[in-house]
Amino acid sequence: MPARAHAMQPDASNDDAVLRRNTCVRLVELHNLHEPHDEGHDYPLERSC
């Protein structure tokens, strides 16, 4: 995935964005994180009668 980060990088001399993205990708993969499932529930704060 680093190639994708390099393609988005505006300044070739600064690798901070690439390193940050790679760290995020590693953490997501390490902890097996996924997008939350949308169950379609709506929890209003007030109940209408």
N, C-alpha and C. Protein backbone atom coordinates (compact mmCIF):
# COMPACT_ATOMS: atom_id res chain seq x y z
N MET A 1 0.79 -1.21 0.00
CA MET A 1 0.00 0.00 0.00
C MET A 1 0.83 1.28 0.00
N PRO A 2 2.14 1.23 0.25
CA PRO A 2 2.91 2.46 0.24
C PRO A 2 2.87 3.18 -1.10
N ALA A 3 2.72 2.46 -2.19
CA ALA A 3 2.66 3.10 -3.51
C ALA A 3 1.47 4.04 -3.58
N ARG A 4 0.37 3.66 -2.99
CA ARG A 4 -0.81 4.52 -2.98
C ARG A 4 -0.55 5.79 -2.17
N ALA A 5 0.14 5.66 -1.06
CA ALA A 5 0.46 6.83 -0.24
C ALA A 5 1.43 7.74 -0.98
N HIS A 6 2.40 7.15 -1.68
CA HIS A 6 3.34 7.96 -2.45
C HIS A 6 2.63 8.70 -3.57
N ALA A 7 1.63 8.11 -4.17
CA ALA A 7 0.90 8.77 -5.26
C ALA A 7 0.14 9.98 -4.75
N MET A 8 -0.30 9.96 -3.50
CA MET A 8 -1.06 11.07 -2.92
C MET A 8 -0.15 12.13 -2.30
N GLN A 9 1.14 11.86 -2.22
CA GLN A 9 2.07 12.73 -1.53
C GLN A 9 2.43 13.95 -2.38
N PRO A 10 2.09 15.17 -1.94
CA PRO A 10 2.37 16.36 -2.73
C PRO A 10 3.84 16.77 -2.71
N ASP A 11 4.55 16.53 -1.61
CA ASP A 11 5.93 16.97 -1.46
C ASP A 11 6.82 15.73 -1.36
N ALA A 12 7.66 15.50 -2.35
CA ALA A 12 8.49 14.30 -2.39
C ALA A 12 9.57 14.30 -1.31
N SER A 13 9.89 15.45 -0.73
CA SER A 13 10.95 15.50 0.28
C SER A 13 10.45 15.22 1.69
N ASN A 14 9.14 15.14 1.89
CA ASN A 14 8.58 14.95 3.23
C ASN A 14 7.84 13.62 3.27
N ASP A 15 8.37 12.67 4.04
CA ASP A 15 7.79 11.33 4.12
C ASP A 15 6.82 11.17 5.30
N ASP A 16 6.53 12.23 6.02
CA ASP A 16 5.67 12.12 7.21
C ASP A 16 4.30 11.53 6.88
N ALA A 17 3.68 11.98 5.81
CA ALA A 17 2.35 11.49 5.46
C ALA A 17 2.39 10.00 5.11
N VAL A 18 3.42 9.59 4.39
CA VAL A 18 3.55 8.18 4.02
C VAL A 18 3.76 7.33 5.26
N LEU A 19 4.64 7.77 6.14
CA LEU A 19 4.90 7.01 7.37
C LEU A 19 3.66 6.94 8.26
N ARG A 20 2.91 8.03 8.35
CA ARG A 20 1.69 8.05 9.16
C ARG A 20 0.65 7.09 8.59
N ARG A 21 0.47 7.11 7.27
CA ARG A 21 -0.51 6.23 6.64
C ARG A 21 -0.11 4.77 6.82
N ASN A 22 1.17 4.47 6.63
CA ASN A 22 1.64 3.09 6.78
C ASN A 22 1.43 2.60 8.21
N THR A 23 1.65 3.47 9.19
CA THR A 23 1.42 3.11 10.58
C THR A 23 -0.06 2.81 10.82
N CYS A 24 -0.93 3.64 10.27
CA CYS A 24 -2.37 3.42 10.42
C CYS A 24 -2.79 2.10 9.78
N VAL A 25 -2.28 1.82 8.59
CA VAL A 25 -2.62 0.56 7.91
C VAL A 25 -2.16 -0.63 8.73
N ARG A 26 -0.94 -0.56 9.28
CA ARG A 26 -0.44 -1.66 10.11
C ARG A 26 -1.30 -1.87 11.35
N LEU A 27 -1.72 -0.79 12.00
CA LEU A 27 -2.56 -0.91 13.20
C LEU A 27 -3.93 -1.49 12.87
N VAL A 28 -4.52 -1.07 11.77
CA VAL A 28 -5.82 -1.61 11.35
C VAL A 28 -5.69 -3.11 11.09
N GLU A 29 -4.64 -3.51 10.39
CA GLU A 29 -4.45 -4.93 10.09
C GLU A 29 -4.11 -5.72 11.35
N LEU A 30 -3.29 -5.17 12.24
CA LEU A 30 -2.89 -5.86 13.47
C LEU A 30 -4.09 -6.15 14.36
N HIS A 31 -4.99 -5.19 14.48
CA HIS A 31 -6.16 -5.33 15.35
C HIS A 31 -7.40 -5.83 14.61
N ASN A 32 -7.23 -6.20 13.34
CA ASN A 32 -8.31 -6.77 12.54
C ASN A 32 -9.56 -5.88 12.58
N LEU A 33 -9.36 -4.59 12.36
CA LEU A 33 -10.46 -3.62 12.42
C LEU A 33 -11.21 -3.58 11.10
N HIS A 34 -12.52 -3.39 11.19
CA HIS A 34 -13.39 -3.29 10.02
C HIS A 34 -14.34 -2.13 10.22
N GLU A 35 -14.95 -1.69 9.14
CA GLU A 35 -15.96 -0.64 9.25
C GLU A 35 -17.14 -1.17 10.05
N PRO A 36 -17.77 -0.32 10.86
CA PRO A 36 -18.94 -0.79 11.63
C PRO A 36 -20.09 -1.14 10.69
N HIS A 37 -20.86 -2.13 11.10
CA HIS A 37 -22.02 -2.54 10.32
C HIS A 37 -23.16 -1.56 10.56
N ASP A 38 -23.80 -1.13 9.51
CA ASP A 38 -24.94 -0.24 9.63
C ASP A 38 -26.19 -1.10 9.80
N GLU A 39 -26.74 -1.07 11.01
CA GLU A 39 -27.92 -1.88 11.31
C GLU A 39 -29.21 -1.16 10.99
N GLY A 40 -29.11 0.09 10.59
CA GLY A 40 -30.30 0.83 10.20
C GLY A 40 -31.15 1.31 11.36
N HIS A 41 -30.64 1.23 12.58
CA HIS A 41 -31.40 1.69 13.75
C HIS A 41 -31.20 3.18 13.94
N ASP A 42 -32.26 3.84 14.29
CA ASP A 42 -32.20 5.26 14.61
C ASP A 42 -32.63 5.41 16.05
N TYR A 43 -31.80 6.02 16.85
CA TYR A 43 -32.10 6.19 18.26
C TYR A 43 -32.33 7.67 18.55
N PRO A 44 -33.57 8.13 18.45
CA PRO A 44 -33.85 9.54 18.71
C PRO A 44 -33.67 9.88 20.19
N LEU A 45 -33.31 11.12 20.45
CA LEU A 45 -33.13 11.55 21.84
C LEU A 45 -34.46 11.77 22.53
N GLU A 46 -35.46 12.16 21.77
CA GLU A 46 -36.79 12.39 22.35
C GLU A 46 -37.81 11.50 21.65
N ARG A 47 -38.77 11.08 22.42
CA ARG A 47 -39.81 10.21 21.87
C ARG A 47 -41.03 11.06 21.55
N SER A 48 -41.54 10.95 20.34
CA SER A 48 -42.75 11.70 19.98
C SER A 48 -43.98 10.85 20.29
N CYS A 49 -45.04 11.49 20.77
CA CYS A 49 -46.26 10.77 21.15
C CYS A 49 -47.34 10.91 20.12
